[in-house]
Full PDB file with SEQRES, HELIX, SHEET, SSBOND, CRYST1, ORIGX, SCALE, CONECT and MASTER records, all heavy atoms in Angstrom:
SEQRES   1 A   38  PRO GLY LEU GLU TYR GLY LEU LEU GLY VAL ILE LEU PHE          
SEQRES   2 A   38  GLY LEU VAL ALA GLY GLY LEU GLN TRP PRO LEU LEU ARG          
SEQRES   3 A   38  ARG GLU ILE PRO GLN ILE VAL PRO TRP LEU LEU ALA              
HELIX    1 AA1 LEU A    3  LEU A   25  1                                  23    
HELIX    2 AA2 ILE A   32  LEU A   37  1                                   6    
CRYST1    1.000    1.000    1.000  90.00  90.00  90.00 P 1           1          
ORIGX1      1.000000  0.000000  0.000000        0.00000                         
ORIGX2      0.000000  1.000000  0.000000        0.00000                         
ORIGX3      0.000000  0.000000  1.000000        0.00000                         
SCALE1      1.000000  0.000000  0.000000        0.00000                         
SCALE2      0.000000  1.000000  0.000000        0.00000                         
SCALE3      0.000000  0.000000  1.000000        0.00000                         
ATOM      1  N   PRO A   1     -14.225  -0.044 -24.898  1.00  0.00           N  
ATOM      2  CA  PRO A   1     -12.862  -0.516 -25.158  1.00  0.00           C  
ATOM      3  C   PRO A   1     -12.278   0.167 -26.398  1.00  0.00           C  
ATOM      4  O   PRO A   1     -12.968   0.377 -27.385  1.00  0.00           O  
ATOM      5  CB  PRO A   1     -13.041  -2.018 -25.410  1.00  0.00           C  
ATOM      6  CG  PRO A   1     -14.354  -2.366 -24.806  1.00  0.00           C  
ATOM      7  CD  PRO A   1     -15.202  -1.128 -24.882  1.00  0.00           C  
ATOM      8  N   GLY A   2     -11.023   0.520 -26.312  1.00  0.00           N  
ATOM      9  CA  GLY A   2     -10.356   1.155 -27.442  1.00  0.00           C  
ATOM     10  C   GLY A   2      -8.972   1.612 -27.055  1.00  0.00           C  
ATOM     11  O   GLY A   2      -8.703   1.893 -25.882  1.00  0.00           O  
ATOM     12  N   LEU A   3      -8.105   1.682 -28.043  1.00  0.00           N  
ATOM     13  CA  LEU A   3      -6.721   2.074 -27.816  1.00  0.00           C  
ATOM     14  C   LEU A   3      -6.622   3.451 -27.176  1.00  0.00           C  
ATOM     15  O   LEU A   3      -5.854   3.653 -26.237  1.00  0.00           O  
ATOM     16  CB  LEU A   3      -5.949   2.054 -29.136  1.00  0.00           C  
ATOM     17  CG  LEU A   3      -4.516   2.576 -29.090  1.00  0.00           C  
ATOM     18  CD1 LEU A   3      -3.643   1.694 -28.204  1.00  0.00           C  
ATOM     19  CD2 LEU A   3      -3.933   2.675 -30.479  1.00  0.00           C  
ATOM     20  N   GLU A   4      -7.408   4.408 -27.681  1.00  0.00           N  
ATOM     21  CA  GLU A   4      -7.292   5.781 -27.175  1.00  0.00           C  
ATOM     22  C   GLU A   4      -7.683   5.881 -25.700  1.00  0.00           C  
ATOM     23  O   GLU A   4      -7.076   6.631 -24.931  1.00  0.00           O  
ATOM     24  CB  GLU A   4      -8.121   6.754 -28.021  1.00  0.00           C  
ATOM     25  CG  GLU A   4      -9.619   6.532 -28.021  1.00  0.00           C  
ATOM     26  CD  GLU A   4     -10.122   5.496 -29.018  1.00  0.00           C  
ATOM     27  OE1 GLU A   4      -9.310   4.723 -29.553  1.00  0.00           O  
ATOM     28  OE2 GLU A   4     -11.344   5.456 -29.243  1.00  0.00           O  
ATOM     29  N   TYR A   5      -8.676   5.083 -25.274  1.00  0.00           N  
ATOM     30  CA  TYR A   5      -9.092   5.142 -23.871  1.00  0.00           C  
ATOM     31  C   TYR A   5      -8.109   4.392 -22.977  1.00  0.00           C  
ATOM     32  O   TYR A   5      -7.869   4.780 -21.830  1.00  0.00           O  
ATOM     33  CB  TYR A   5     -10.507   4.597 -23.710  1.00  0.00           C  
ATOM     34  CG  TYR A   5     -11.508   5.366 -24.533  1.00  0.00           C  
ATOM     35  CD1 TYR A   5     -12.275   4.734 -25.502  1.00  0.00           C  
ATOM     36  CD2 TYR A   5     -11.656   6.744 -24.365  1.00  0.00           C  
ATOM     37  CE1 TYR A   5     -13.180   5.445 -26.276  1.00  0.00           C  
ATOM     38  CE2 TYR A   5     -12.563   7.459 -25.135  1.00  0.00           C  
ATOM     39  CZ  TYR A   5     -13.314   6.812 -26.082  1.00  0.00           C  
ATOM     40  OH  TYR A   5     -14.203   7.515 -26.845  1.00  0.00           O  
ATOM     41  N   GLY A   6      -7.545   3.308 -23.507  1.00  0.00           N  
ATOM     42  CA  GLY A   6      -6.494   2.621 -22.757  1.00  0.00           C  
ATOM     43  C   GLY A   6      -5.292   3.524 -22.555  1.00  0.00           C  
ATOM     44  O   GLY A   6      -4.719   3.600 -21.474  1.00  0.00           O  
ATOM     45  N   LEU A   7      -4.925   4.239 -23.609  1.00  0.00           N  
ATOM     46  CA  LEU A   7      -3.808   5.178 -23.522  1.00  0.00           C  
ATOM     47  C   LEU A   7      -4.129   6.316 -22.559  1.00  0.00           C  
ATOM     48  O   LEU A   7      -3.272   6.725 -21.770  1.00  0.00           O  
ATOM     49  CB  LEU A   7      -3.478   5.715 -24.915  1.00  0.00           C  
ATOM     50  CG  LEU A   7      -2.107   6.338 -25.114  1.00  0.00           C  
ATOM     51  CD1 LEU A   7      -0.995   5.412 -24.663  1.00  0.00           C  
ATOM     52  CD2 LEU A   7      -1.917   6.726 -26.573  1.00  0.00           C  
ATOM     53  N   LEU A   8      -5.349   6.805 -22.590  1.00  0.00           N  
ATOM     54  CA  LEU A   8      -5.762   7.844 -21.646  1.00  0.00           C  
ATOM     55  C   LEU A   8      -5.633   7.342 -20.210  1.00  0.00           C  
ATOM     56  O   LEU A   8      -5.157   8.058 -19.324  1.00  0.00           O  
ATOM     57  CB  LEU A   8      -7.199   8.281 -21.931  1.00  0.00           C  
ATOM     58  CG  LEU A   8      -7.810   9.289 -20.948  1.00  0.00           C  
ATOM     59  CD1 LEU A   8      -7.025  10.601 -20.955  1.00  0.00           C  
ATOM     60  CD2 LEU A   8      -9.285   9.529 -21.275  1.00  0.00           C  
ATOM     61  N   GLY A   9      -6.039   6.084 -19.975  1.00  0.00           N  
ATOM     62  CA  GLY A   9      -5.933   5.495 -18.640  1.00  0.00           C  
ATOM     63  C   GLY A   9      -4.497   5.437 -18.142  1.00  0.00           C  
ATOM     64  O   GLY A   9      -4.216   5.798 -16.996  1.00  0.00           O  
ATOM     65  N   VAL A  10      -3.549   5.000 -18.995  1.00  0.00           N  
ATOM     66  CA  VAL A  10      -2.152   4.909 -18.545  1.00  0.00           C  
ATOM     67  C   VAL A  10      -1.511   6.288 -18.432  1.00  0.00           C  
ATOM     68  O   VAL A  10      -0.638   6.497 -17.588  1.00  0.00           O  
ATOM     69  CB  VAL A  10      -1.287   3.958 -19.410  1.00  0.00           C  
ATOM     70  CG1 VAL A  10      -1.758   2.531 -19.288  1.00  0.00           C  
ATOM     71  CG2 VAL A  10      -1.227   4.384 -20.844  1.00  0.00           C  
ATOM     72  N   ILE A  11      -1.945   7.233 -19.256  1.00  0.00           N  
ATOM     73  CA  ILE A  11      -1.422   8.601 -19.119  1.00  0.00           C  
ATOM     74  C   ILE A  11      -1.848   9.178 -17.770  1.00  0.00           C  
ATOM     75  O   ILE A  11      -1.028   9.763 -17.039  1.00  0.00           O  
ATOM     76  CB  ILE A  11      -1.906   9.490 -20.282  1.00  0.00           C  
ATOM     77  CG1 ILE A  11      -1.163   9.109 -21.564  1.00  0.00           C  
ATOM     78  CG2 ILE A  11      -1.719  10.970 -19.966  1.00  0.00           C  
ATOM     79  CD1 ILE A  11      -1.708   9.754 -22.827  1.00  0.00           C  
ATOM     80  N   LEU A  12      -3.122   8.984 -17.424  1.00  0.00           N  
ATOM     81  CA  LEU A  12      -3.585   9.467 -16.118  1.00  0.00           C  
ATOM     82  C   LEU A  12      -2.879   8.738 -14.977  1.00  0.00           C  
ATOM     83  O   LEU A  12      -2.534   9.338 -13.963  1.00  0.00           O  
ATOM     84  CB  LEU A  12      -5.101   9.314 -16.008  1.00  0.00           C  
ATOM     85  CG  LEU A  12      -5.911  10.266 -16.880  1.00  0.00           C  
ATOM     86  CD1 LEU A  12      -7.397   9.946 -16.794  1.00  0.00           C  
ATOM     87  CD2 LEU A  12      -5.652  11.715 -16.484  1.00  0.00           C  
ATOM     88  N   PHE A  13      -2.654   7.430 -15.164  1.00  0.00           N  
ATOM     89  CA  PHE A  13      -1.901   6.686 -14.152  1.00  0.00           C  
ATOM     90  C   PHE A  13      -0.507   7.288 -13.969  1.00  0.00           C  
ATOM     91  O   PHE A  13      -0.053   7.501 -12.847  1.00  0.00           O  
ATOM     92  CB  PHE A  13      -1.784   5.206 -14.536  1.00  0.00           C  
ATOM     93  CG  PHE A  13      -0.844   4.464 -13.643  1.00  0.00           C  
ATOM     94  CD1 PHE A  13      -1.245   4.027 -12.406  1.00  0.00           C  
ATOM     95  CD2 PHE A  13       0.469   4.234 -14.033  1.00  0.00           C  
ATOM     96  CE1 PHE A  13      -0.368   3.367 -11.556  1.00  0.00           C  
ATOM     97  CE2 PHE A  13       1.354   3.579 -13.204  1.00  0.00           C  
ATOM     98  CZ  PHE A  13       0.924   3.137 -11.955  1.00  0.00           C  
ATOM     99  N   GLY A  14       0.188   7.555 -15.078  1.00  0.00           N  
ATOM    100  CA  GLY A  14       1.531   8.140 -14.998  1.00  0.00           C  
ATOM    101  C   GLY A  14       1.530   9.494 -14.323  1.00  0.00           C  
ATOM    102  O   GLY A  14       2.424   9.802 -13.525  1.00  0.00           O  
ATOM    103  N   LEU A  15       0.519  10.309 -14.602  1.00  0.00           N  
ATOM    104  CA  LEU A  15       0.417  11.626 -13.964  1.00  0.00           C  
ATOM    105  C   LEU A  15       0.187  11.504 -12.457  1.00  0.00           C  
ATOM    106  O   LEU A  15       0.821  12.207 -11.664  1.00  0.00           O  
ATOM    107  CB  LEU A  15      -0.715  12.437 -14.599  1.00  0.00           C  
ATOM    108  CG  LEU A  15      -0.474  12.949 -16.012  1.00  0.00           C  
ATOM    109  CD1 LEU A  15      -1.751  13.552 -16.591  1.00  0.00           C  
ATOM    110  CD2 LEU A  15       0.662  13.968 -16.039  1.00  0.00           C  
ATOM    111  N   VAL A  16      -0.712  10.602 -12.076  1.00  0.00           N  
ATOM    112  CA  VAL A  16      -1.003  10.423 -10.646  1.00  0.00           C  
ATOM    113  C   VAL A  16       0.202   9.836  -9.920  1.00  0.00           C  
ATOM    114  O   VAL A  16       0.619  10.339  -8.862  1.00  0.00           O  
ATOM    115  CB  VAL A  16      -2.252   9.530 -10.451  1.00  0.00           C  
ATOM    116  CG1 VAL A  16      -2.421   9.135  -8.990  1.00  0.00           C  
ATOM    117  CG2 VAL A  16      -3.496  10.250 -10.948  1.00  0.00           C  
ATOM    118  N   ALA A  17       0.787   8.762 -10.485  1.00  0.00           N  
ATOM    119  CA  ALA A  17       1.935   8.117  -9.828  1.00  0.00           C  
ATOM    120  C   ALA A  17       3.108   9.082  -9.711  1.00  0.00           C  
ATOM    121  O   ALA A  17       3.699   9.229  -8.639  1.00  0.00           O  
ATOM    122  CB  ALA A  17       2.345   6.861 -10.606  1.00  0.00           C  
ATOM    123  N   GLY A  18       3.447   9.760 -10.799  1.00  0.00           N  
ATOM    124  CA  GLY A  18       4.544  10.728 -10.758  1.00  0.00           C  
ATOM    125  C   GLY A  18       4.257  11.885  -9.827  1.00  0.00           C  
ATOM    126  O   GLY A  18       5.135  12.363  -9.104  1.00  0.00           O  
ATOM    127  N   GLY A  19       3.004  12.355  -9.826  1.00  0.00           N  
ATOM    128  CA  GLY A  19       2.628  13.473  -8.968  1.00  0.00           C  
ATOM    129  C   GLY A  19       2.711  13.142  -7.495  1.00  0.00           C  
ATOM    130  O   GLY A  19       3.094  13.988  -6.675  1.00  0.00           O  
ATOM    131  N   LEU A  20       2.397  11.892  -7.125  1.00  0.00           N  
ATOM    132  CA  LEU A  20       2.477  11.499  -5.720  1.00  0.00           C  
ATOM    133  C   LEU A  20       3.910  11.184  -5.283  1.00  0.00           C  
ATOM    134  O   LEU A  20       4.233  11.290  -4.109  1.00  0.00           O  
ATOM    135  CB  LEU A  20       1.557  10.304  -5.454  1.00  0.00           C  
ATOM    136  CG  LEU A  20       0.060  10.613  -5.519  1.00  0.00           C  
ATOM    137  CD1 LEU A  20      -0.761   9.340  -5.421  1.00  0.00           C  
ATOM    138  CD2 LEU A  20      -0.345  11.583  -4.403  1.00  0.00           C  
ATOM    139  N   GLN A  21       4.753  10.776  -6.216  1.00  0.00           N  
ATOM    140  CA  GLN A  21       6.157  10.506  -5.877  1.00  0.00           C  
ATOM    141  C   GLN A  21       6.982  11.786  -5.825  1.00  0.00           C  
ATOM    142  O   GLN A  21       7.946  11.870  -5.070  1.00  0.00           O  
ATOM    143  CB  GLN A  21       6.781   9.563  -6.917  1.00  0.00           C  
ATOM    144  CG  GLN A  21       6.236   8.170  -6.901  1.00  0.00           C  
ATOM    145  CD  GLN A  21       6.688   7.378  -8.107  1.00  0.00           C  
ATOM    146  OE1 GLN A  21       7.209   7.917  -9.082  1.00  0.00           O  
ATOM    147  NE2 GLN A  21       6.491   6.069  -8.052  1.00  0.00           N  
ATOM    148  N   TRP A  22       6.611  12.767  -6.619  1.00  0.00           N  
ATOM    149  CA  TRP A  22       7.442  13.961  -6.768  1.00  0.00           C  
ATOM    150  C   TRP A  22       7.748  14.705  -5.468  1.00  0.00           C  
ATOM    151  O   TRP A  22       8.878  15.164  -5.289  1.00  0.00           O  
ATOM    152  CB  TRP A  22       6.845  14.921  -7.788  1.00  0.00           C  
ATOM    153  CG  TRP A  22       7.672  16.155  -7.933  1.00  0.00           C  
ATOM    154  CD1 TRP A  22       8.855  16.271  -8.601  1.00  0.00           C  
ATOM    155  CD2 TRP A  22       7.417  17.424  -7.345  1.00  0.00           C  
ATOM    156  NE1 TRP A  22       9.338  17.549  -8.483  1.00  0.00           N  
ATOM    157  CE2 TRP A  22       8.472  18.275  -7.711  1.00  0.00           C  
ATOM    158  CE3 TRP A  22       6.388  17.919  -6.551  1.00  0.00           C  
ATOM    159  CZ2 TRP A  22       8.528  19.600  -7.310  1.00  0.00           C  
ATOM    160  CZ3 TRP A  22       6.445  19.240  -6.148  1.00  0.00           C  
ATOM    161  CH2 TRP A  22       7.510  20.061  -6.527  1.00  0.00           C  
ATOM    162  N   PRO A  23       6.799  14.856  -4.542  1.00  0.00           N  
ATOM    163  CA  PRO A  23       7.155  15.586  -3.310  1.00  0.00           C  
ATOM    164  C   PRO A  23       8.386  15.029  -2.600  1.00  0.00           C  
ATOM    165  O   PRO A  23       9.151  15.782  -1.996  1.00  0.00           O  
ATOM    166  CB  PRO A  23       5.897  15.458  -2.443  1.00  0.00           C  
ATOM    167  CG  PRO A  23       4.789  15.345  -3.434  1.00  0.00           C  
ATOM    168  CD  PRO A  23       5.370  14.521  -4.559  1.00  0.00           C  
ATOM    169  N   LEU A  24       8.604  13.712  -2.700  1.00  0.00           N  
ATOM    170  CA  LEU A  24       9.803  13.132  -2.083  1.00  0.00           C  
ATOM    171  C   LEU A  24      11.056  13.405  -2.899  1.00  0.00           C  
ATOM    172  O   LEU A  24      12.160  13.347  -2.377  1.00  0.00           O  
ATOM    173  CB  LEU A  24       9.636  11.620  -1.909  1.00  0.00           C  
ATOM    174  CG  LEU A  24       8.559  11.166  -0.927  1.00  0.00           C  
ATOM    175  CD1 LEU A  24       8.477   9.662  -0.903  1.00  0.00           C  
ATOM    176  CD2 LEU A  24       8.811  11.715   0.460  1.00  0.00           C  
ATOM    177  N   LEU A  25      10.879  13.685  -4.181  1.00  0.00           N  
ATOM    178  CA  LEU A  25      12.017  13.889  -5.077  1.00  0.00           C  
ATOM    179  C   LEU A  25      12.307  15.367  -5.356  1.00  0.00           C  
ATOM    180  O   LEU A  25      13.224  15.673  -6.100  1.00  0.00           O  
ATOM    181  CB  LEU A  25      11.755  13.186  -6.416  1.00  0.00           C  
ATOM    182  CG  LEU A  25      11.668  11.671  -6.377  1.00  0.00           C  
ATOM    183  CD1 LEU A  25      11.098  11.146  -7.682  1.00  0.00           C  
ATOM    184  CD2 LEU A  25      13.018  11.059  -6.093  1.00  0.00           C  
ATOM    185  N   ARG A  26      11.535  16.273  -4.753  1.00  0.00           N  
ATOM    186  CA  ARG A  26      11.615  17.671  -5.189  1.00  0.00           C  
ATOM    187  C   ARG A  26      12.957  18.337  -4.922  1.00  0.00           C  
ATOM    188  O   ARG A  26      13.284  19.319  -5.568  1.00  0.00           O  
ATOM    189  CB  ARG A  26      10.472  18.494  -4.596  1.00  0.00           C  
ATOM    190  CG  ARG A  26      10.517  18.698  -3.113  1.00  0.00           C  
ATOM    191  CD  ARG A  26       9.280  19.488  -2.651  1.00  0.00           C  
ATOM    192  NE  ARG A  26       9.282  19.695  -1.219  1.00  0.00           N  
ATOM    193  CZ  ARG A  26       8.810  18.849  -0.333  1.00  0.00           C  
ATOM    194  NH1 ARG A  26       8.277  17.714  -0.740  1.00  0.00           N  
ATOM    195  NH2 ARG A  26       8.865  19.112   0.966  1.00  0.00           N  
ATOM    196  N   ARG A  27      13.738  17.809  -3.991  1.00  0.00           N  
ATOM    197  CA  ARG A  27      15.077  18.375  -3.783  1.00  0.00           C  
ATOM    198  C   ARG A  27      15.984  18.066  -4.968  1.00  0.00           C  
ATOM    199  O   ARG A  27      16.779  18.891  -5.404  1.00  0.00           O  
ATOM    200  CB  ARG A  27      15.685  17.840  -2.495  1.00  0.00           C  
ATOM    201  CG  ARG A  27      17.062  18.403  -2.231  1.00  0.00           C  
ATOM    202  CD  ARG A  27      17.564  18.044  -0.868  1.00  0.00           C  
ATOM    203  NE  ARG A  27      18.902  18.587  -0.688  1.00  0.00           N  
ATOM    204  CZ  ARG A  27      19.578  18.525   0.430  1.00  0.00           C  
ATOM    205  NH1 ARG A  27      19.032  17.962   1.490  1.00  0.00           N  
ATOM    206  NH2 ARG A  27      20.783  19.010   0.517  1.00  0.00           N  
ATOM    207  N   GLU A  28      15.860  16.850  -5.478  1.00  0.00           N  
ATOM    208  CA  GLU A  28      16.669  16.433  -6.615  1.00  0.00           C  
ATOM    209  C   GLU A  28      16.047  16.855  -7.942  1.00  0.00           C  
ATOM    210  O   GLU A  28      16.739  17.088  -8.915  1.00  0.00           O  
ATOM    211  CB  GLU A  28      16.838  14.906  -6.611  1.00  0.00           C  
ATOM    212  CG  GLU A  28      17.561  14.362  -5.397  1.00  0.00           C  
ATOM    213  CD  GLU A  28      19.016  14.779  -5.341  1.00  0.00           C  
ATOM    214  OE1 GLU A  28      19.590  15.121  -6.382  1.00  0.00           O  
ATOM    215  OE2 GLU A  28      19.579  14.768  -4.235  1.00  0.00           O  
ATOM    216  N   ILE A  29      14.720  16.890  -7.971  1.00  0.00           N  
ATOM    217  CA  ILE A  29      13.990  17.235  -9.189  1.00  0.00           C  
ATOM    218  C   ILE A  29      13.103  18.430  -8.854  1.00  0.00           C  
ATOM    219  O   ILE A  29      11.925  18.258  -8.518  1.00  0.00           O  
ATOM    220  CB  ILE A  29      13.151  16.037  -9.681  1.00  0.00           C  
ATOM    221  CG1 ILE A  29      14.024  14.778  -9.817  1.00  0.00           C  
ATOM    222  CG2 ILE A  29      12.482  16.346 -10.998  1.00  0.00           C  
ATOM    223  CD1 ILE A  29      13.254  13.516 -10.104  1.00  0.00           C  
ATOM    224  N   PRO A  30      13.671  19.649  -8.889  1.00  0.00           N  
ATOM    225  CA  PRO A  30      12.904  20.808  -8.426  1.00  0.00           C  
ATOM    226  C   PRO A  30      11.675  21.123  -9.269  1.00  0.00           C  
ATOM    227  O   PRO A  30      10.723  21.704  -8.777  1.00  0.00           O  
ATOM    228  CB  PRO A  30      13.919  21.954  -8.469  1.00  0.00           C  
ATOM    229  CG  PRO A  30      15.027  21.481  -9.334  1.00  0.00           C  
ATOM    230  CD  PRO A  30      15.035  19.991  -9.294  1.00  0.00           C  
ATOM    231  N   GLN A  31      11.665  20.742 -10.522  1.00  0.00           N  
ATOM    232  CA  GLN A  31      10.510  20.977 -11.380  1.00  0.00           C  
ATOM    233  C   GLN A  31       9.762  19.658 -11.573  1.00  0.00           C  
ATOM    234  O   GLN A  31      10.352  18.643 -11.932  1.00  0.00           O  
ATOM    235  CB  GLN A  31      10.952  21.529 -12.744  1.00  0.00           C  
ATOM    236  CG  GLN A  31      11.762  22.804 -12.659  1.00  0.00           C  
ATOM    237  CD  GLN A  31      10.965  23.943 -12.035  1.00  0.00           C  
ATOM    238  OE1 GLN A  31       9.781  24.079 -12.291  1.00  0.00           O  
ATOM    239  NE2 GLN A  31      11.621  24.749 -11.221  1.00  0.00           N  
ATOM    240  N   ILE A  32       8.460  19.681 -11.357  1.00  0.00           N  
ATOM    241  CA  ILE A  32       7.661  18.459 -11.429  1.00  0.00           C  
ATOM    242  C   ILE A  32       7.469  17.970 -12.865  1.00  0.00           C  
ATOM    243  O   ILE A  32       7.323  16.777 -13.111  1.00  0.00           O  
ATOM    244  CB  ILE A  32       6.287  18.665 -10.746  1.00  0.00           C  
ATOM    245  CG1 ILE A  32       5.577  17.321 -10.562  1.00  0.00           C  
ATOM    246  CG2 ILE A  32       5.441  19.679 -11.499  1.00  0.00           C  
ATOM    247  CD1 ILE A  32       4.316  17.396  -9.730  1.00  0.00           C  
ATOM    248  N   VAL A  33       7.514  18.872 -13.831  1.00  0.00           N  
ATOM    249  CA  VAL A  33       7.171  18.518 -15.214  1.00  0.00           C  
ATOM    250  C   VAL A  33       8.056  17.399 -15.785  1.00  0.00           C  
ATOM    251  O   VAL A  33       7.531  16.437 -16.378  1.00  0.00           O  
ATOM    252  CB  VAL A  33       7.177  19.767 -16.124  1.00  0.00           C  
ATOM    253  CG1 VAL A  33       6.988  19.391 -17.584  1.00  0.00           C  
ATOM    254  CG2 VAL A  33       6.087  20.736 -15.678  1.00  0.00           C  
ATOM    255  N   PRO A  34       9.404  17.439 -15.632  1.00  0.00           N  
ATOM    256  CA  PRO A  34      10.205  16.342 -16.203  1.00  0.00           C  
ATOM    257  C   PRO A  34       9.855  14.975 -15.601  1.00  0.00           C  
ATOM    258  O   PRO A  34       9.833  13.973 -16.322  1.00  0.00           O  
ATOM    259  CB  PRO A  34      11.649  16.725 -15.866  1.00  0.00           C  
ATOM    260  CG  PRO A  34      11.620  18.186 -15.616  1.00  0.00           C  
ATOM    261  CD  PRO A  34      10.265  18.488 -15.069  1.00  0.00           C  
ATOM    262  N   TRP A  35       9.560  14.951 -14.322  1.00  0.00           N  
ATOM    263  CA  TRP A  35       9.220  13.681 -13.673  1.00  0.00           C  
ATOM    264  C   TRP A  35       7.865  13.177 -14.170  1.00  0.00           C  
ATOM    265  O   TRP A  35       7.692  11.987 -14.430  1.00  0.00           O  
ATOM    266  CB  TRP A  35       9.233  13.844 -12.158  1.00  0.00           C  
ATOM    267  CG  TRP A  35       9.059  12.554 -11.428  1.00  0.00           C  
ATOM    268  CD1 TRP A  35       8.004  12.196 -10.641  1.00  0.00           C  
ATOM    269  CD2 TRP A  35       9.951  11.435 -11.412  1.00  0.00           C  
ATOM    270  NE1 TRP A  35       8.183  10.922 -10.143  1.00  0.00           N  
ATOM    271  CE2 TRP A  35       9.369  10.443 -10.602  1.00  0.00           C  
ATOM    272  CE3 TRP A  35      11.182  11.173 -12.016  1.00  0.00           C  
ATOM    273  CZ2 TRP A  35       9.992   9.218 -10.371  1.00  0.00           C  
ATOM    274  CZ3 TRP A  35      11.795   9.942 -11.781  1.00  0.00           C  
ATOM    275  CH2 TRP A  35      11.193   8.987 -10.965  1.00  0.00           C  
ATOM    276  N   LEU A  36       6.904  14.080 -14.308  1.00  0.00           N  
ATOM    277  CA  LEU A  36       5.599  13.680 -14.831  1.00  0.00           C  
ATOM    278  C   LEU A  36       5.712  13.183 -16.266  1.00  0.00           C  
ATOM    279  O   LEU A  36       5.115  12.172 -16.633  1.00  0.00           O  
ATOM    280  CB  LEU A  36       4.607  14.846 -14.756  1.00  0.00           C  
ATOM    281  CG  LEU A  36       4.149  15.275 -13.373  1.00  0.00           C  
ATOM    282  CD1 LEU A  36       3.194  16.454 -13.478  1.00  0.00           C  
ATOM    283  CD2 LEU A  36       3.498  14.128 -12.622  1.00  0.00           C  
ATOM    284  N   LEU A  37       6.481  13.901 -17.088  1.00  0.00           N  
ATOM    285  CA  LEU A  37       6.665  13.486 -18.481  1.00  0.00           C  
ATOM    286  C   LEU A  37       7.331  12.114 -18.573  1.00  0.00           C  
ATOM    287  O   LEU A  37       6.950  11.287 -19.408  1.00  0.00           O  
ATOM    288  CB  LEU A  37       7.483  14.520 -19.251  1.00  0.00           C  
ATOM    289  CG  LEU A  37       6.780  15.837 -19.571  1.00  0.00           C  
ATOM    290  CD1 LEU A  37       7.741  16.807 -20.248  1.00  0.00           C  
ATOM    291  CD2 LEU A  37       5.553  15.597 -20.448  1.00  0.00           C  
ATOM    292  N   ALA A  38       8.330  11.883 -17.722  1.00  0.00           N  
ATOM    293  CA  ALA A  38       9.007  10.580 -17.729  1.00  0.00           C  
ATOM    294  C   ALA A  38       8.040   9.467 -17.377  1.00  0.00           C  
ATOM    295  O   ALA A  38       8.035   8.406 -18.017  1.00  0.00           O  
ATOM    296  CB  ALA A  38      10.182  10.597 -16.741  1.00  0.00           C  
TER     297      ALA A  38                                                      
MASTER        0    0    0    2    0    0    0    6  296    1    0    3          
END                                                                             
């Protein structure tokens, strides 16, 4: 348990969630990086 590992977990969650949603959004969001960062 620790803040850094909790943060790592949510960062990976954000990357996975954004990465799986992006293919549907690629017409509106042609670059994946802004969506992943958001």
